[in-house]
Amino acid sequence: TYVCMWSHGRDARKHLHIAVQPVTAEVRARHGGLRSEQLQARVLAD
């Protein structure tokens, strides 16, 4: 389970959000076996 903080806006910090994200074998397989921030970026980009 990933726990990470985000508060990015377009040009400055925005509101604080902390994502609690489960990572299963199915999620990793669907995104080419990626892990960590690369996996999160791919999931968001999709």
All heavy atoms as atom14 arrays in JSON, in Angstrom:
{
  "sequence": "TYVCMWSHGRDARKHLHIAVQPVTAEVRARHGGLRSEQLQARVLAD",
  "atom14_mask": [
    [1, 1, 1, 1, 1, 1, 1, 0, 0, 0, 0, 0, 0, 0],
    [1, 1, 1, 1, 1, 1, 1, 1, 1, 1, 1, 1, 0, 0],
    [1, 1, 1, 1, 1, 1, 1, 0, 0, 0, 0, 0, 0, 0],
    [1, 1, 1, 1, 1, 1, 0, 0, 0, 0, 0, 0, 0, 0],
    [1, 1, 1, 1, 1, 1, 1, 1, 0, 0, 0, 0, 0, 0],
    [1, 1, 1, 1, 1, 1, 1, 1, 1, 1, 1, 1, 1, 1],
    [1, 1, 1, 1, 1, 1, 0, 0, 0, 0, 0, 0, 0, 0],
    [1, 1, 1, 1, 1, 1, 1, 1, 1, 1, 0, 0, 0, 0],
    [1, 1, 1, 1, 0, 0, 0, 0, 0, 0, 0, 0, 0, 0],
    [1, 1, 1, 1, 1, 1, 1, 1, 1, 1, 1, 0, 0, 0],
    [1, 1, 1, 1, 1, 1, 1, 1, 0, 0, 0, 0, 0, 0],
    [1, 1, 1, 1, 1, 0, 0, 0, 0, 0, 0, 0, 0, 0],
    [1, 1, 1, 1, 1, 1, 1, 1, 1, 1, 1, 0, 0, 0],
    [1, 1, 1, 1, 1, 1, 1, 1, 1, 0, 0, 0, 0, 0],
    [1, 1, 1, 1, 1, 1, 1, 1, 1, 1, 0, 0, 0, 0],
    [1, 1, 1, 1, 1, 1, 1, 1, 0, 0, 0, 0, 0, 0],
    [1, 1, 1, 1, 1, 1, 1, 1, 1, 1, 0, 0, 0, 0],
    [1, 1, 1, 1, 1, 1, 1, 1, 0, 0, 0, 0, 0, 0],
    [1, 1, 1, 1, 1, 0, 0, 0, 0, 0, 0, 0, 0, 0],
    [1, 1, 1, 1, 1, 1, 1, 0, 0, 0, 0, 0, 0, 0],
    [1, 1, 1, 1, 1, 1, 1, 1, 1, 0, 0, 0, 0, 0],
    [1, 1, 1, 1, 1, 1, 1, 0, 0, 0, 0, 0, 0, 0],
    [1, 1, 1, 1, 1, 1, 1, 0, 0, 0, 0, 0, 0, 0],
    [1, 1, 1, 1, 1, 1, 1, 0, 0, 0, 0, 0, 0, 0],
    [1, 1, 1, 1, 1, 0, 0, 0, 0, 0, 0, 0, 0, 0],
    [1, 1, 1, 1, 1, 1, 1, 1, 1, 0, 0, 0, 0, 0],
    [1, 1, 1, 1, 1, 1, 1, 0, 0, 0, 0, 0, 0, 0],
    [1, 1, 1, 1, 1, 1, 1, 1, 1, 1, 1, 0, 0, 0],
    [1, 1, 1, 1, 1, 0, 0, 0, 0, 0, 0, 0, 0, 0],
    [1, 1, 1, 1, 1, 1, 1, 1, 1, 1, 1, 0, 0, 0],
    [1, 1, 1, 1, 1, 1, 1, 1, 1, 1, 0, 0, 0, 0],
    [1, 1, 1, 1, 0, 0, 0, 0, 0, 0, 0, 0, 0, 0],
    [1, 1, 1, 1, 0, 0, 0, 0, 0, 0, 0, 0, 0, 0],
    [1, 1, 1, 1, 1, 1, 1, 1, 0, 0, 0, 0, 0, 0],
    [1, 1, 1, 1, 1, 1, 1, 1, 1, 1, 1, 0, 0, 0],
    [1, 1, 1, 1, 1, 1, 0, 0, 0, 0, 0, 0, 0, 0],
    [1, 1, 1, 1, 1, 1, 1, 1, 1, 0, 0, 0, 0, 0],
    [1, 1, 1, 1, 1, 1, 1, 1, 1, 0, 0, 0, 0, 0],
    [1, 1, 1, 1, 1, 1, 1, 1, 0, 0, 0, 0, 0, 0],
    [1, 1, 1, 1, 1, 1, 1, 1, 1, 0, 0, 0, 0, 0],
    [1, 1, 1, 1, 1, 0, 0, 0, 0, 0, 0, 0, 0, 0],
    [1, 1, 1, 1, 1, 1, 1, 1, 1, 1, 1, 0, 0, 0],
    [1, 1, 1, 1, 1, 1, 1, 0, 0, 0, 0, 0, 0, 0],
    [1, 1, 1, 1, 1, 1, 1, 1, 0, 0, 0, 0, 0, 0],
    [1, 1, 1, 1, 1, 0, 0, 0, 0, 0, 0, 0, 0, 0],
    [1, 1, 1, 1, 1, 1, 1, 1, 0, 0, 0, 0, 0, 0]
  ],
  "atom14_positions": [
    [[0.86, -1.18, 0.0], [0.0, 0.0, 0.0], [0.9, 1.23, 0.0], [1.72, 1.4, 0.89], [-0.93, 0.01, 1.23], [-1.78, -1.13, 1.15], [-1.79, 1.26, 1.26], [0.0, 0.0, 0.0], [0.0, 0.0, 0.0], [0.0, 0.0, 0.0], [0.0, 0.0, 0.0], [0.0, 0.0, 0.0], [0.0, 0.0, 0.0], [0.0, 0.0, 0.0]],
    [[0.75, 2.06, -1.03], [1.51, 3.3, -1.11], [0.77, 4.39, -0.33], [-0.46, 4.49, -0.41], [1.65, 3.78, -2.55], [2.44, 2.89, -3.48], [2.41, 3.11, -4.85], [3.22, 1.84, -3.02], [3.13, 2.33, -5.73], [3.95, 1.05, -3.89], [3.9, 1.29, -5.25], [4.62, 0.51, -6.11], [0.0, 0.0, 0.0], [0.0, 0.0, 0.0]],
    [[1.52, 5.21, 0.37], [0.97, 6.39, 1.03], [1.85, 7.55, 0.6], [3.04, 7.57, 0.89], [0.97, 6.24, 2.57], [0.45, 7.51, 3.23], [0.14, 5.03, 2.99], [0.0, 0.0, 0.0], [0.0, 0.0, 0.0], [0.0, 0.0, 0.0], [0.0, 0.0, 0.0], [0.0, 0.0, 0.0], [0.0, 0.0, 0.0], [0.0, 0.0, 0.0]],
    [[1.26, 8.5, -0.12], [2.07, 9.62, -0.6], [1.25, 10.91, -0.58], [0.03, 10.89, -0.68], [2.63, 9.35, -1.98], [1.38, 9.19, -3.25], [0.0, 0.0, 0.0], [0.0, 0.0, 0.0], [0.0, 0.0, 0.0], [0.0, 0.0, 0.0], [0.0, 0.0, 0.0], [0.0, 0.0, 0.0], [0.0, 0.0, 0.0], [0.0, 0.0, 0.0]],
    [[1.97, 12.02, -0.44], [1.35, 13.32, -0.33], [1.46, 14.08, -1.64], [2.51, 14.05, -2.27], [2.05, 14.12, 0.77], [1.35, 15.41, 1.05], [2.38, 16.86, 1.34], [3.45, 16.99, -0.04], [0.0, 0.0, 0.0], [0.0, 0.0, 0.0], [0.0, 0.0, 0.0], [0.0, 0.0, 0.0], [0.0, 0.0, 0.0], [0.0, 0.0, 0.0]],
    [[0.38, 14.74, -2.0], [0.37, 15.63, -3.17], [-0.3, 16.93, -2.78], [-1.26, 16.94, -2.03], [-0.44, 15.05, -4.33], [0.06, 13.76, -4.88], [1.35, 13.31, -4.9], [-0.72, 12.75, -5.5], [1.4, 12.08, -5.49], [0.15, 11.72, -5.87], [-2.07, 12.62, -5.77], [-0.28, 10.56, -6.52], [-2.5, 11.48, -6.41], [-1.62, 10.47, -6.78]],
    [[0.2, 18.04, -3.32], [-0.52, 19.3, -3.2], [-0.23, 20.2, -4.39], [-0.44, 21.4, -4.33], [-0.18, 20.02, -1.89], [1.15, 20.49, -1.89], [0.0, 0.0, 0.0], [0.0, 0.0, 0.0], [0.0, 0.0, 0.0], [0.0, 0.0, 0.0], [0.0, 0.0, 0.0], [0.0, 0.0, 0.0], [0.0, 0.0, 0.0], [0.0, 0.0, 0.0]],
    [[0.24, 19.61, -5.47], [0.55, 20.41, -6.65], [-0.69, 20.98, -7.31], [-1.69, 20.3, -7.48], [1.29, 19.56, -7.7], [2.73, 19.41, -7.42], [3.29, 18.22, -7.05], [3.74, 20.3, -7.42], [4.58, 18.37, -6.84], [4.88, 19.63, -7.05], [0.0, 0.0, 0.0], [0.0, 0.0, 0.0], [0.0, 0.0, 0.0], [0.0, 0.0, 0.0]],
    [[-0.57, 22.24, -7.67], [-1.54, 22.88, -8.54], [-0.8, 23.19, -9.84], [0.35, 22.78, -10.02], [0.0, 0.0, 0.0], [0.0, 0.0, 0.0], [0.0, 0.0, 0.0], [0.0, 0.0, 0.0], [0.0, 0.0, 0.0], [0.0, 0.0, 0.0], [0.0, 0.0, 0.0], [0.0, 0.0, 0.0], [0.0, 0.0, 0.0], [0.0, 0.0, 0.0]],
    [[-1.4, 23.94, -10.7], [-0.75, 24.25, -11.98], [0.54, 25.05, -11.76], [1.58, 24.71, -12.31], [-1.7, 25.04, -12.88], [-1.06, 25.4, -14.22], [-2.04, 25.97, -15.21], [-3.08, 25.07, -15.66], [-2.9, 24.05, -16.51], [-1.7, 23.78, -16.97], [-3.91, 23.3, -16.89], [0.0, 0.0, 0.0], [0.0, 0.0, 0.0], [0.0, 0.0, 0.0]],
    [[0.48, 26.11, -10.95], [1.64, 26.97, -10.78], [2.14, 27.06, -9.34], [3.18, 27.66, -9.09], [1.31, 28.39, -11.27], [0.97, 28.41, -12.75], [1.64, 27.72, -13.52], [0.0, 29.11, -13.11], [0.0, 0.0, 0.0], [0.0, 0.0, 0.0], [0.0, 0.0, 0.0], [0.0, 0.0, 0.0], [0.0, 0.0, 0.0], [0.0, 0.0, 0.0]],
    [[1.39, 26.52, -8.4], [1.76, 26.62, -6.99], [1.11, 25.49, -6.22], [0.29, 24.75, -6.76], [1.29, 27.97, -6.43], [0.0, 0.0, 0.0], [0.0, 0.0, 0.0], [0.0, 0.0, 0.0], [0.0, 0.0, 0.0], [0.0, 0.0, 0.0], [0.0, 0.0, 0.0], [0.0, 0.0, 0.0], [0.0, 0.0, 0.0], [0.0, 0.0, 0.0]],
    [[1.49, 25.38, -4.97], [0.85, 24.38, -4.12], [-0.65, 24.65, -4.05], [-1.08, 25.79, -4.08], [1.42, 24.42, -2.71], [2.84, 23.94, -2.62], [3.28, 24.05, -1.18], [4.65, 23.61, -1.03], [5.25, 23.52, 0.15], [4.61, 23.87, 1.26], [6.49, 23.11, 0.24], [0.0, 0.0, 0.0], [0.0, 0.0, 0.0], [0.0, 0.0, 0.0]],
    [[-1.39, 23.57, -3.9], [-2.83, 23.67, -3.82], [-3.26, 23.11, -2.47], [-2.58, 23.36, -1.48], [-3.44, 22.87, -4.98], [-4.73, 23.38, -5.49], [-5.11, 22.62, -6.75], [-6.52, 22.93, -7.14], [-6.92, 22.24, -8.33], [0.0, 0.0, 0.0], [0.0, 0.0, 0.0], [0.0, 0.0, 0.0], [0.0, 0.0, 0.0], [0.0, 0.0, 0.0]],
    [[-4.29, 22.31, -2.41], [-4.76, 21.71, -1.15], [-4.03, 20.38, -0.92], [-3.8, 19.62, -1.85], [-6.27, 21.47, -1.24], [-6.87, 20.95, 0.02], [-6.98, 21.72, 1.16], [-7.38, 19.74, 0.33], [-7.55, 21.0, 2.11], [-7.81, 19.8, 1.63], [0.0, 0.0, 0.0], [0.0, 0.0, 0.0], [0.0, 0.0, 0.0], [0.0, 0.0, 0.0]],
    [[-3.68, 20.1, 0.32], [-2.98, 18.87, 0.69], [-3.88, 17.65, 0.5], [-5.01, 17.63, 0.98], [-2.54, 18.97, 2.16], [-1.83, 17.76, 2.75], [-0.48, 17.56, 2.09], [-1.68, 17.93, 4.25], [0.0, 0.0, 0.0], [0.0, 0.0, 0.0], [0.0, 0.0, 0.0], [0.0, 0.0, 0.0], [0.0, 0.0, 0.0], [0.0, 0.0, 0.0]],
    [[-3.36, 16.65, -0.2], [-4.04, 15.36, -0.38], [-3.02, 14.27, -0.11], [-1.88, 14.34, -0.58], [-4.54, 15.18, -1.81], [-5.61, 16.13, -2.2], [-5.34, 17.35, -2.76], [-6.95, 16.04, -2.09], [-6.48, 17.97, -2.98], [-7.47, 17.2, -2.59], [0.0, 0.0, 0.0], [0.0, 0.0, 0.0], [0.0, 0.0, 0.0], [0.0, 0.0, 0.0]],
    [[-3.43, 13.25, 0.63], [-2.57, 12.1, 0.87], [-3.28, 10.89, 0.29], [-4.38, 10.53, 0.72], [-2.28, 11.92, 2.37], [-1.6, 13.19, 2.9], [-1.4, 10.69, 2.59], [-1.47, 13.23, 4.4], [0.0, 0.0, 0.0], [0.0, 0.0, 0.0], [0.0, 0.0, 0.0], [0.0, 0.0, 0.0], [0.0, 0.0, 0.0], [0.0, 0.0, 0.0]],
    [[-2.66, 10.27, -0.71], [-3.24, 9.11, -1.37], [-2.81, 7.84, -0.64], [-1.64, 7.67, -0.32], [-2.77, 9.05, -2.82], [0.0, 0.0, 0.0], [0.0, 0.0, 0.0], [0.0, 0.0, 0.0], [0.0, 0.0, 0.0], [0.0, 0.0, 0.0], [0.0, 0.0, 0.0], [0.0, 0.0, 0.0], [0.0, 0.0, 0.0], [0.0, 0.0, 0.0]],
    [[-3.78, 6.99, -0.36], [-3.53, 5.67, 0.22], [-3.96, 4.68, -0.86], [-5.16, 4.46, -1.08], [-4.31, 5.48, 1.54], [-4.03, 4.12, 2.14], [-3.96, 6.6, 2.53], [0.0, 0.0, 0.0], [0.0, 0.0, 0.0], [0.0, 0.0, 0.0], [0.0, 0.0, 0.0], [0.0, 0.0, 0.0], [0.0, 0.0, 0.0], [0.0, 0.0, 0.0]],
    [[-2.96, 4.13, -1.56], [-3.19, 3.41, -2.81], [-2.73, 1.96, -2.71], [-1.55, 1.7, -2.55], [-2.44, 4.12, -3.94], [-2.57, 3.45, -5.28], [-1.72, 4.14, -6.33], [-0.76, 4.83, -6.02], [-2.07, 3.94, -7.58], [0.0, 0.0, 0.0], [0.0, 0.0, 0.0], [0.0, 0.0, 0.0], [0.0, 0.0, 0.0], [0.0, 0.0, 0.0]],
    [[-3.67, 1.02, -2.87], [-3.27, -0.38, -2.89], [-2.63, -0.73, -4.22], [-3.08, -0.27, -5.27], [-4.59, -1.13, -2.71], [-5.6, -0.22, -3.32], [-5.12, 1.17, -3.05], [0.0, 0.0, 0.0], [0.0, 0.0, 0.0], [0.0, 0.0, 0.0], [0.0, 0.0, 0.0], [0.0, 0.0, 0.0], [0.0, 0.0, 0.0], [0.0, 0.0, 0.0]],
    [[-1.57, -1.51, -4.17], [-0.92, -1.96, -5.39], [-0.97, -3.48, -5.41], [-0.35, -4.14, -4.57], [0.53, -1.45, -5.47], [1.22, -1.98, -6.72], [0.56, 0.07, -5.46], [0.0, 0.0, 0.0], [0.0, 0.0, 0.0], [0.0, 0.0, 0.0], [0.0, 0.0, 0.0], [0.0, 0.0, 0.0], [0.0, 0.0, 0.0], [0.0, 0.0, 0.0]],
    [[-1.73, -3.99, -6.36], [-1.88, -5.44, -6.5], [-1.07, -5.93, -7.69], [-0.64, -5.13, -8.53], [-3.36, -5.8, -6.72], [-3.79, -5.17, -7.95], [-4.25, -5.33, -5.57], [0.0, 0.0, 0.0], [0.0, 0.0, 0.0], [0.0, 0.0, 0.0], [0.0, 0.0, 0.0], [0.0, 0.0, 0.0], [0.0, 0.0, 0.0], [0.0, 0.0, 0.0]],
    [[-0.9, -7.23, -7.77], [-0.2, -7.82, -8.92], [-0.95, -7.47, -10.21], [-0.33, -7.21, -11.24], [-0.09, -9.33, -8.74], [0.0, 0.0, 0.0], [0.0, 0.0, 0.0], [0.0, 0.0, 0.0], [0.0, 0.0, 0.0], [0.0, 0.0, 0.0], [0.0, 0.0, 0.0], [0.0, 0.0, 0.0], [0.0, 0.0, 0.0], [0.0, 0.0, 0.0]],
    [[-2.28, -7.43, -10.14], [-3.09, -7.11, -11.31], [-2.81, -5.68, -11.8], [-2.65, -5.44, -12.99], [-4.57, -7.27, -10.99], [-5.48, -6.89, -12.13], [-6.95, -6.89, -11.73], [-7.32, -7.54, -10.74], [-7.72, -6.23, -12.44], [0.0, 0.0, 0.0], [0.0, 0.0, 0.0], [0.0, 0.0, 0.0], [0.0, 0.0, 0.0], [0.0, 0.0, 0.0]],
    [[-2.74, -4.72, -10.87], [-2.45, -3.33, -11.25], [-1.06, -3.23, -11.87], [-0.88, -2.59, -12.9], [-2.58, -2.39, -10.02], [-2.01, -1.01, -10.32], [-4.03, -2.29, -9.59], [0.0, 0.0, 0.0], [0.0, 0.0, 0.0], [0.0, 0.0, 0.0], [0.0, 0.0, 0.0], [0.0, 0.0, 0.0], [0.0, 0.0, 0.0], [0.0, 0.0, 0.0]],
    [[-0.08, -3.88, -11.25], [1.29, -3.82, -11.8], [1.34, -4.47, -13.17], [1.96, -3.94, -14.09], [2.28, -4.48, -10.84], [2.57, -3.62, -9.63], [3.73, -4.1, -8.77], [3.9, -5.53, -8.65], [4.74, -6.28, -9.39], [5.5, -5.72, -10.3], [4.83, -7.57, -9.21], [0.0, 0.0, 0.0], [0.0, 0.0, 0.0], [0.0, 0.0, 0.0]],
    [[0.68, -5.62, -13.34], [0.7, -6.31, -14.63], [0.05, -5.46, -15.72], [0.54, -5.39, -16.85], [-0.01, -7.66, -14.52], [0.0, 0.0, 0.0], [0.0, 0.0, 0.0], [0.0, 0.0, 0.0], [0.0, 0.0, 0.0], [0.0, 0.0, 0.0], [0.0, 0.0, 0.0], [0.0, 0.0, 0.0], [0.0, 0.0, 0.0], [0.0, 0.0, 0.0]],
    [[-1.04, -4.8, -15.37], [-1.76, -3.95, -16.33], [-0.91, -2.77, -16.78], [-1.13, -2.19, -17.84], [-3.07, -3.47, -15.7], [-4.05, -2.92, -16.68], [-5.45, -2.7, -16.1], [-5.47, -1.89, -14.91], [-5.94, -2.3, -13.72], [-6.4, -3.52, -13.57], [-5.93, -1.5, -12.69], [0.0, 0.0, 0.0], [0.0, 0.0, 0.0], [0.0, 0.0, 0.0]],
    [[0.1, -2.42, -15.97], [0.95, -1.27, -16.29], [2.41, -1.68, -16.46], [3.33, -0.98, -16.04], [0.79, -0.2, -15.2], [-0.59, 0.35, -15.16], [-1.58, -0.17, -14.36], [-1.18, 1.34, -15.86], [-2.7, 0.48, -14.56], [-2.49, 1.41, -15.46], [0.0, 0.0, 0.0], [0.0, 0.0, 0.0], [0.0, 0.0, 0.0], [0.0, 0.0, 0.0]],
    [[2.62, -2.83, -17.06], [3.95, -3.25, -17.47], [4.9, -3.6, -16.33], [6.11, -3.54, -16.51], [0.0, 0.0, 0.0], [0.0, 0.0, 0.0], [0.0, 0.0, 0.0], [0.0, 0.0, 0.0], [0.0, 0.0, 0.0], [0.0, 0.0, 0.0], [0.0, 0.0, 0.0], [0.0, 0.0, 0.0], [0.0, 0.0, 0.0], [0.0, 0.0, 0.0]],
    [[4.38, -3.95, -15.17], [5.23, -4.34, -14.05], [5.89, -3.19, -13.32], [6.74, -3.4, -12.45], [0.0, 0.0, 0.0], [0.0, 0.0, 0.0], [0.0, 0.0, 0.0], [0.0, 0.0, 0.0], [0.0, 0.0, 0.0], [0.0, 0.0, 0.0], [0.0, 0.0, 0.0], [0.0, 0.0, 0.0], [0.0, 0.0, 0.0], [0.0, 0.0, 0.0]],
    [[5.48, -1.97, -13.63], [6.07, -0.8, -12.97], [5.77, -0.79, -11.49], [4.81, -1.4, -11.02], [5.53, 0.49, -13.61], [5.93, 0.73, -15.05], [5.21, 1.96, -15.6], [7.44, 0.88, -15.19], [0.0, 0.0, 0.0], [0.0, 0.0, 0.0], [0.0, 0.0, 0.0], [0.0, 0.0, 0.0], [0.0, 0.0, 0.0], [0.0, 0.0, 0.0]],
    [[6.61, -0.05, -10.75], [6.43, 0.12, -9.31], [6.65, 1.59, -8.96], [7.12, 2.37, -9.77], [7.47, -0.71, -8.55], [7.25, -2.19, -8.57], [8.35, -2.89, -7.76], [8.02, -4.25, -7.39], [8.09, -5.28, -8.21], [8.44, -5.11, -9.46], [7.77, -6.49, -7.79], [0.0, 0.0, 0.0], [0.0, 0.0, 0.0], [0.0, 0.0, 0.0]],
    [[6.3, 1.92, -7.73], [6.56, 3.23, -7.13], [6.0, 4.37, -7.96], [4.93, 4.26, -8.52], [8.06, 3.4, -6.87], [8.52, 2.36, -6.03], [0.0, 0.0, 0.0], [0.0, 0.0, 0.0], [0.0, 0.0, 0.0], [0.0, 0.0, 0.0], [0.0, 0.0, 0.0], [0.0, 0.0, 0.0], [0.0, 0.0, 0.0], [0.0, 0.0, 0.0]],
    [[6.77, 5.46, -8.01], [6.27, 6.67, -8.68], [6.04, 6.45, -10.17], [5.18, 7.08, -10.77], [7.2, 7.86, -8.44], [8.56, 7.77, -9.07], [9.57, 6.93, -8.28], [9.28, 6.47, -7.17], [10.68, 6.75, -8.8], [0.0, 0.0, 0.0], [0.0, 0.0, 0.0], [0.0, 0.0, 0.0], [0.0, 0.0, 0.0], [0.0, 0.0, 0.0]],
    [[6.78, 5.53, -10.78], [6.55, 5.25, -12.2], [5.17, 4.61, -12.41], [4.45, 4.95, -13.35], [7.64, 4.34, -12.76], [9.0, 5.01, -12.79], [10.09, 4.04, -13.19], [9.94, 2.83, -13.08], [11.21, 4.58, -13.65], [0.0, 0.0, 0.0], [0.0, 0.0, 0.0], [0.0, 0.0, 0.0], [0.0, 0.0, 0.0], [0.0, 0.0, 0.0]],
    [[4.8, 3.72, -11.51], [3.48, 3.1, -11.58], [2.39, 4.15, -11.37], [1.42, 4.22, -12.13], [3.34, 1.99, -10.55], [1.95, 1.36, -10.44], [1.52, 0.71, -11.75], [1.92, 0.36, -9.29], [0.0, 0.0, 0.0], [0.0, 0.0, 0.0], [0.0, 0.0, 0.0], [0.0, 0.0, 0.0], [0.0, 0.0, 0.0], [0.0, 0.0, 0.0]],
    [[2.55, 4.99, -10.34], [1.55, 6.02, -10.08], [1.39, 6.95, -11.28], [0.28, 7.3, -11.65], [1.91, 6.8, -8.83], [1.71, 5.99, -7.57], [2.03, 6.8, -6.34], [3.07, 7.45, -6.25], [1.14, 6.75, -5.38], [0.0, 0.0, 0.0], [0.0, 0.0, 0.0], [0.0, 0.0, 0.0], [0.0, 0.0, 0.0], [0.0, 0.0, 0.0]],
    [[2.5, 7.35, -11.88], [2.43, 8.24, -13.04], [1.7, 7.58, -14.2], [0.86, 8.2, -14.86], [3.84, 8.66, -13.46], [0.0, 0.0, 0.0], [0.0, 0.0, 0.0], [0.0, 0.0, 0.0], [0.0, 0.0, 0.0], [0.0, 0.0, 0.0], [0.0, 0.0, 0.0], [0.0, 0.0, 0.0], [0.0, 0.0, 0.0], [0.0, 0.0, 0.0]],
    [[1.97, 6.31, -14.43], [1.3, 5.59, -15.53], [-0.19, 5.44, -15.26], [-1.01, 5.64, -16.15], [1.95, 4.22, -15.71], [1.35, 3.34, -16.79], [1.63, 3.78, -18.22], [3.04, 3.9, -18.52], [3.84, 2.9, -18.89], [3.36, 1.68, -19.03], [5.11, 3.13, -19.15], [0.0, 0.0, 0.0], [0.0, 0.0, 0.0], [0.0, 0.0, 0.0]],
    [[-0.54, 5.11, -14.03], [-1.96, 4.96, -13.69], [-2.69, 6.28, -13.92], [-3.78, 6.32, -14.51], [-2.13, 4.48, -12.23], [-3.58, 4.61, -11.77], [-1.66, 3.04, -12.08], [0.0, 0.0, 0.0], [0.0, 0.0, 0.0], [0.0, 0.0, 0.0], [0.0, 0.0, 0.0], [0.0, 0.0, 0.0], [0.0, 0.0, 0.0], [0.0, 0.0, 0.0]],
    [[-2.1, 7.38, -13.48], [-2.73, 8.69, -13.67], [-2.8, 9.07, -15.14], [-3.8, 9.61, -15.6], [-1.96, 9.76, -12.89], [-2.15, 9.74, -11.39], [-1.17, 10.69, -10.71], [-3.58, 10.1, -11.02], [0.0, 0.0, 0.0], [0.0, 0.0, 0.0], [0.0, 0.0, 0.0], [0.0, 0.0, 0.0], [0.0, 0.0, 0.0], [0.0, 0.0, 0.0]],
    [[-1.73, 8.79, -15.89], [-1.68, 9.15, -17.31], [-2.7, 8.37, -18.12], [-3.24, 8.87, -19.1], [-0.28, 8.94, -17.86], [0.0, 0.0, 0.0], [0.0, 0.0, 0.0], [0.0, 0.0, 0.0], [0.0, 0.0, 0.0], [0.0, 0.0, 0.0], [0.0, 0.0, 0.0], [0.0, 0.0, 0.0], [0.0, 0.0, 0.0], [0.0, 0.0, 0.0]],
    [[-2.97, 7.13, -17.71], [-3.93, 6.31, -18.45], [-5.33, 6.9, -18.4], [-6.11, 6.73, -19.32], [-3.96, 4.88, -17.91], [-2.75, 4.08, -18.36], [-1.99, 4.57, -19.2], [-2.59, 2.95, -17.85], [0.0, 0.0, 0.0], [0.0, 0.0, 0.0], [0.0, 0.0, 0.0], [0.0, 0.0, 0.0], [0.0, 0.0, 0.0], [0.0, 0.0, 0.0]]
  ]
}
